[in-house]
Amino acid sequence: MAIREFNLIESTLREGEQFVGANFTIDQKVKIAKALARFGVEYLELTSPAASPQSLADLRTIAGLGLVRGVTGDRVKILTHTRCTIEDAKLASSTGVDGVDVVIGTSSMLRKFSHGKDIPTIVRMARDVVSYIRDQGLEVRFSTEDSFRSERADIIDIYEQVDRLGVNRVGIADTVGVATPMQVYNLVSELRQRVSCDIEFHGHNDSGCAIANAWAALEAGATHVDTSILGIGERNGIAPLGGLVARLYASDRASVAKYDLPVIQELDSLVAEYVGVDIPFNNYITG
């Protein structure tokens, strides 16, 4: 099946900042952002402004660049990733971003050791935060963290409720990289039947399935996939931009015609230099 209707949410400047050695300066962030715009990504996701004063300042700087996609000339949308709190939502909404990516843990482990909230409380929090962001005229995504170690009935219930609020996207996150492609396909397929909004997939690579899982999500009806340059991120990272593009290109070249593919070489080289690693000899496309 040809996959044509999808968007890349490039998270090097959010997820990638959790990689050891990724201490990007604002000048480096601007260079990465501009290169990603030339490549043609639809979205850039940046670290929460609540993380630090520097993150707040950097977010405002990137949001103010007015980046446009190199191939199409469309504007690149700037997102930030926040906790499910009104305080974070208000701060994020003041920065000039186009959208806010809201996340809260829903697995029993995270609910016990991270925030201590039960599912009804999470639903109430989600309702308040999503409604606030929508009232500001911004895009909003609501994601469950650790989706594949959460009870399916719980997360489907949450997604259905935020969908009725008019959320732009719901997000499925394989936070610790335990999912298989079939598990991803099945969950996204079920969710596609239950909500009318877009579906985003965020997959970590702990068990080596990040690209396969992202592909399975797209096959099942996901509309947005998170990537980072060289796959950098927390632990061993998420689906790499170049790797996912290679998978899409091998299946249907037309699916990636909207991107300026040679820019991948520049992106991989730039980030490898900034984080102090070599491009792996067996890297997708640029190895």
Protein backbone atom coordinates (compact mmCIF):
# COMPACT_ATOMS: atom_id res chain seq x y z
CA MET A 1 0.00 0.00 0.00
CA ALA A 2 1.38 3.40 -0.99
CA ILE A 3 1.84 5.82 1.90
CA ARG A 4 1.48 9.40 0.73
CA GLU A 5 -0.47 11.40 3.30
CA PHE A 6 1.82 11.83 6.30
CA ASN A 7 3.76 14.52 8.15
CA LEU A 8 7.14 14.41 9.83
CA ILE A 9 7.45 15.94 13.28
CA GLU A 10 11.19 16.45 13.54
CA SER A 11 12.22 16.28 17.18
CA THR A 12 16.00 16.71 17.12
CA LEU A 13 15.55 19.96 19.07
CA ARG A 14 13.39 18.25 21.73
CA GLU A 15 13.92 14.50 21.92
CA GLY A 16 17.44 14.93 20.55
CA GLU A 17 18.40 17.26 23.38
CA GLN A 18 18.17 14.27 25.73
CA PHE A 19 21.04 12.56 23.92
CA VAL A 20 24.35 12.52 25.79
CA GLY A 21 26.50 15.29 24.29
CA ALA A 22 23.60 17.19 22.71
CA ASN A 23 24.24 20.52 24.41
CA PHE A 24 23.13 22.63 21.48
CA THR A 25 23.80 26.36 21.52
CA ILE A 26 21.14 28.65 20.12
CA ASP A 27 23.29 29.23 17.00
CA GLN A 28 23.47 25.47 16.49
CA LYS A 29 19.73 25.12 16.98
CA VAL A 30 19.08 27.81 14.38
CA LYS A 31 21.38 26.06 11.87
CA ILE A 32 19.66 22.71 12.48
CA ALA A 33 16.22 24.29 12.20
CA LYS A 34 17.06 26.06 8.95
CA ALA A 35 18.56 22.89 7.45
CA LEU A 36 15.48 20.89 8.43
CA ALA A 37 13.32 23.56 6.79
CA ARG A 38 15.36 23.26 3.57
CA PHE A 39 14.87 19.50 3.73
CA GLY A 40 11.16 20.14 4.00
CA VAL A 41 9.87 18.76 7.30
CA GLU A 42 6.35 19.84 8.13
CA TYR A 43 6.93 20.36 11.86
CA LEU A 44 9.76 21.13 14.27
CA GLU A 45 9.27 20.12 17.91
CA LEU A 46 11.27 21.91 20.60
CA THR A 47 11.88 21.38 24.31
CA SER A 48 9.28 22.65 26.76
CA PRO A 49 9.76 26.31 27.75
CA ALA A 50 9.18 25.18 31.34
CA ALA A 51 12.42 23.16 31.24
CA SER A 52 14.68 26.20 31.70
CA PRO A 53 14.93 29.93 30.94
CA GLN A 54 17.27 29.04 28.05
CA SER A 55 14.72 26.63 26.58
CA LEU A 56 12.10 29.37 26.76
CA ALA A 57 14.38 31.87 25.01
CA ASP A 58 15.45 29.36 22.35
CA LEU A 59 11.85 28.40 21.62
CA ARG A 60 10.87 32.02 21.09
CA THR A 61 13.86 32.52 18.80
CA ILE A 62 13.07 29.51 16.60
CA ALA A 63 9.36 30.34 16.53
CA GLY A 64 10.25 33.82 15.32
CA LEU A 65 12.35 32.69 12.36
CA GLY A 66 9.40 32.28 10.01
CA LEU A 67 10.85 29.11 8.48
CA VAL A 68 9.46 27.80 5.20
CA ARG A 69 9.83 24.37 3.64
CA GLY A 70 12.46 24.29 0.90
CA VAL A 71 10.56 22.21 -1.65
CA THR A 72 6.98 23.44 -1.22
CA GLY A 73 7.38 26.92 0.23
CA ASP A 74 4.84 26.12 2.95
CA ARG A 75 5.50 27.40 6.44
CA VAL A 76 7.18 25.02 8.90
CA LYS A 77 5.03 24.70 12.00
CA ILE A 78 6.76 25.04 15.37
CA LEU A 79 5.65 22.87 18.26
CA THR A 80 6.70 22.47 21.86
CA HIS A 81 6.26 19.48 24.15
CA THR A 82 4.79 20.03 27.62
CA ARG A 83 3.38 18.31 30.65
CA CYS A 84 -0.39 18.13 31.04
CA THR A 85 -0.73 21.18 33.28
CA ILE A 86 -2.40 24.54 32.78
CA GLU A 87 0.79 26.31 33.90
CA ASP A 88 2.84 24.64 31.17
CA ALA A 89 0.11 25.24 28.60
CA LYS A 90 -0.05 28.95 29.41
CA LEU A 91 3.73 29.36 29.16
CA ALA A 92 3.90 27.42 25.89
CA SER A 93 1.05 29.42 24.39
CA SER A 94 2.92 32.67 25.04
CA THR A 95 5.98 31.77 22.97
CA GLY A 96 4.72 32.18 19.41
CA VAL A 97 4.47 28.45 18.63
CA ASP A 98 1.90 26.99 16.27
CA GLY A 99 1.00 24.09 18.51
CA VAL A 100 1.52 22.37 21.85
CA ASP A 101 2.23 18.67 22.26
CA VAL A 102 0.80 17.61 25.62
CA VAL A 103 1.87 14.34 27.27
CA ILE A 104 1.09 12.44 30.46
CA GLY A 105 2.07 8.97 31.63
CA THR A 106 -0.70 6.38 31.61
CA SER A 107 1.04 3.09 32.40
CA SER A 108 0.60 1.77 35.92
CA MET A 109 4.33 2.21 36.48
CA LEU A 110 4.38 5.87 35.50
CA ARG A 111 1.15 6.62 37.32
CA LYS A 112 2.65 5.15 40.48
CA PHE A 113 6.16 6.57 40.28
CA SER A 114 5.81 9.70 38.11
CA HIS A 115 2.68 11.68 38.94
CA GLY A 116 0.41 9.49 41.09
CA LYS A 117 -2.78 10.33 39.16
CA ASP A 118 -5.56 7.83 38.37
CA ILE A 119 -7.25 7.63 34.96
CA PRO A 120 -10.32 9.78 35.82
CA THR A 121 -7.98 12.50 37.10
CA ILE A 122 -5.89 12.28 33.92
CA VAL A 123 -9.05 12.71 31.84
CA ARG A 124 -10.05 15.82 33.82
CA MET A 125 -6.56 17.30 33.45
CA ALA A 126 -6.56 16.54 29.73
CA ARG A 127 -9.96 18.17 29.28
CA ASP A 128 -8.81 21.39 30.97
CA VAL A 129 -5.44 21.62 29.20
CA VAL A 130 -6.70 20.70 25.73
CA SER A 131 -9.59 23.15 26.00
CA TYR A 132 -7.26 25.95 27.08
CA ILE A 133 -4.84 25.42 24.19
CA ARG A 134 -7.67 25.19 21.66
CA ASP A 135 -9.07 28.46 23.01
CA GLN A 136 -5.73 30.10 22.18
CA GLY A 137 -6.15 29.13 18.53
CA LEU A 138 -3.23 26.67 18.58
CA GLU A 139 -2.87 23.11 17.40
CA VAL A 140 -2.88 20.59 20.22
CA ARG A 141 -1.80 17.00 20.42
CA PHE A 142 -2.59 14.85 23.42
CA SER A 143 -0.36 11.83 23.96
CA THR A 144 -0.22 9.04 26.47
CA GLU A 145 3.32 8.29 27.60
CA ASP A 146 4.36 4.64 27.79
CA SER A 147 1.33 3.67 25.69
CA PHE A 148 2.34 0.06 25.15
CA ARG A 149 2.61 -0.68 28.87
CA SER A 150 -0.72 1.01 29.54
CA GLU A 151 -4.09 -0.69 29.66
CA ARG A 152 -5.54 -0.44 26.16
CA ALA A 153 -9.05 0.27 27.44
CA ASP A 154 -7.71 3.19 29.49
CA ILE A 155 -5.88 4.91 26.67
CA ILE A 156 -8.66 4.34 24.13
CA ASP A 157 -11.12 5.92 26.58
CA ILE A 158 -8.82 8.92 27.06
CA TYR A 159 -8.30 9.35 23.31
CA GLU A 160 -12.02 9.19 22.58
CA GLN A 161 -12.72 11.85 25.18
CA VAL A 162 -10.04 14.30 23.97
CA ASP A 163 -11.10 13.64 20.37
CA ARG A 164 -14.56 14.93 21.25
CA LEU A 165 -12.93 18.12 22.55
CA GLY A 166 -11.55 18.84 19.08
CA VAL A 167 -7.91 17.86 19.63
CA ASN A 168 -5.87 17.96 16.40
CA ARG A 169 -3.94 14.78 17.10
CA VAL A 170 -3.69 12.00 19.62
CA GLY A 171 -0.28 10.48 20.17
CA ILE A 172 0.87 6.93 20.77
CA ALA A 173 4.29 6.70 22.40
CA ASP A 174 6.45 3.59 22.62
CA THR A 175 8.40 5.36 25.35
CA VAL A 176 10.76 2.52 26.25
CA GLY A 177 10.90 0.80 22.87
CA VAL A 178 9.16 -2.45 23.81
CA ALA A 179 6.53 -2.61 21.05
CA THR A 180 6.67 -4.85 17.99
CA PRO A 181 5.50 -3.72 14.54
CA MET A 182 2.39 -5.92 14.82
CA GLN A 183 1.50 -4.42 18.20
CA VAL A 184 1.89 -0.93 16.76
CA TYR A 185 -0.20 -1.79 13.71
CA ASN A 186 -2.98 -3.29 15.81
CA LEU A 187 -3.18 -0.39 18.27
CA VAL A 188 -3.10 2.30 15.58
CA SER A 189 -5.67 0.38 13.52
CA GLU A 190 -8.05 0.20 16.47
CA LEU A 191 -7.52 3.83 17.34
CA ARG A 192 -8.13 4.83 13.70
CA GLN A 193 -11.60 3.30 14.04
CA ARG A 194 -12.32 5.11 17.31
CA VAL A 195 -11.23 8.72 16.72
CA SER A 196 -11.68 11.22 13.91
CA CYS A 197 -8.57 13.31 14.62
CA ASP A 198 -5.05 12.70 13.33
CA ILE A 199 -2.78 10.11 14.95
CA GLU A 200 0.89 10.62 15.81
CA PHE A 201 3.43 7.90 16.56
CA HIS A 202 6.59 8.30 18.65
CA GLY A 203 8.77 5.22 18.86
CA HIS A 204 12.01 4.56 20.73
CA ASN A 205 14.66 2.19 19.42
CA ASP A 206 15.57 0.19 22.53
CA SER A 207 14.81 -3.12 20.81
CA GLY A 208 15.78 -2.05 17.30
CA CYS A 209 12.25 -1.62 15.94
CA ALA A 210 11.88 2.16 15.73
CA ILE A 211 11.83 2.41 11.93
CA ALA A 212 9.73 -0.74 11.49
CA ASN A 213 7.30 0.48 14.13
CA ALA A 214 7.00 3.93 12.53
CA TRP A 215 6.34 2.27 9.17
CA ALA A 216 3.72 -0.03 10.73
CA ALA A 217 2.02 2.99 12.30
CA LEU A 218 1.79 4.70 8.91
CA GLU A 219 0.44 1.54 7.26
CA ALA A 220 -2.23 1.35 9.96
CA GLY A 221 -3.39 4.92 9.43
CA ALA A 222 -1.12 7.19 11.49
CA THR A 223 -0.77 10.64 9.98
CA HIS A 224 2.29 11.97 11.83
CA VAL A 225 5.59 10.34 12.84
CA ASP A 226 8.29 11.70 15.13
CA THR A 227 11.92 11.50 14.00
CA SER A 228 15.32 12.89 14.95
CA ILE A 229 18.51 13.34 12.96
CA LEU A 230 20.68 10.21 13.33
CA GLY A 231 17.95 8.94 15.66
CA ILE A 232 19.45 10.77 18.65
CA GLY A 233 17.40 10.99 21.81
CA GLU A 234 16.92 9.57 25.27
CA ARG A 235 18.92 6.33 25.71
CA ASN A 236 19.47 5.03 22.15
CA GLY A 237 16.95 7.37 20.58
CA ILE A 238 13.94 7.25 18.28
CA ALA A 239 13.28 6.62 14.58
CA PRO A 240 16.04 8.35 12.59
CA LEU A 241 14.98 10.80 9.91
CA GLY A 242 17.29 9.28 7.30
CA GLY A 243 16.27 5.73 8.15
CA LEU A 244 12.56 6.39 7.88
CA VAL A 245 13.08 8.25 4.60
CA ALA A 246 15.06 5.26 3.29
CA ARG A 247 12.18 2.94 4.21
CA LEU A 248 9.62 5.20 2.51
CA TYR A 249 11.81 5.69 -0.58
CA ALA A 250 12.35 1.95 -0.99
CA SER A 251 8.60 1.39 -1.00
CA ASP A 252 7.46 4.37 -3.08
CA ARG A 253 9.77 7.15 -4.24
CA ALA A 254 6.82 9.47 -4.77
CA SER A 255 6.08 9.39 -1.03
CA VAL A 256 9.21 11.41 -0.28
CA ALA A 257 9.17 13.67 -3.35
CA LYS A 258 8.04 16.48 -1.06
CA TYR A 259 11.46 16.47 0.63
CA ASP A 260 14.88 17.65 -0.61
CA LEU A 261 16.63 14.34 0.02
CA PRO A 262 20.28 15.42 -0.54
CA VAL A 263 19.96 17.70 2.53
CA ILE A 264 20.03 14.53 4.67
CA GLN A 265 23.82 14.40 4.17
CA GLU A 266 24.15 17.93 5.55
CA LEU A 267 21.82 17.20 8.47
CA ASP A 268 23.61 14.00 9.51
CA SER A 269 27.03 15.63 9.26
CA LEU A 270 25.93 18.74 11.14
CA VAL A 271 24.40 16.89 14.09
CA ALA A 272 27.20 14.32 14.23
CA GLU A 273 29.65 17.19 14.62
CA TYR A 274 27.56 18.99 17.23
CA VAL A 275 27.07 15.92 19.46
CA GLY A 276 30.61 14.56 18.99
CA VAL A 277 29.90 11.26 17.22
CA ASP A 278 30.84 9.75 13.88
CA ILE A 279 28.17 8.88 11.34
CA PRO A 280 27.98 5.07 11.69
CA PHE A 281 29.56 3.15 8.81
CA ASN A 282 26.25 1.32 8.27
CA ASN A 283 24.02 4.38 8.66
CA TYR A 284 20.97 4.70 6.44
CA ILE A 285 21.73 6.68 3.26
CA THR A 286 24.81 8.54 4.59
CA GLY A 287 26.92 5.65 5.96
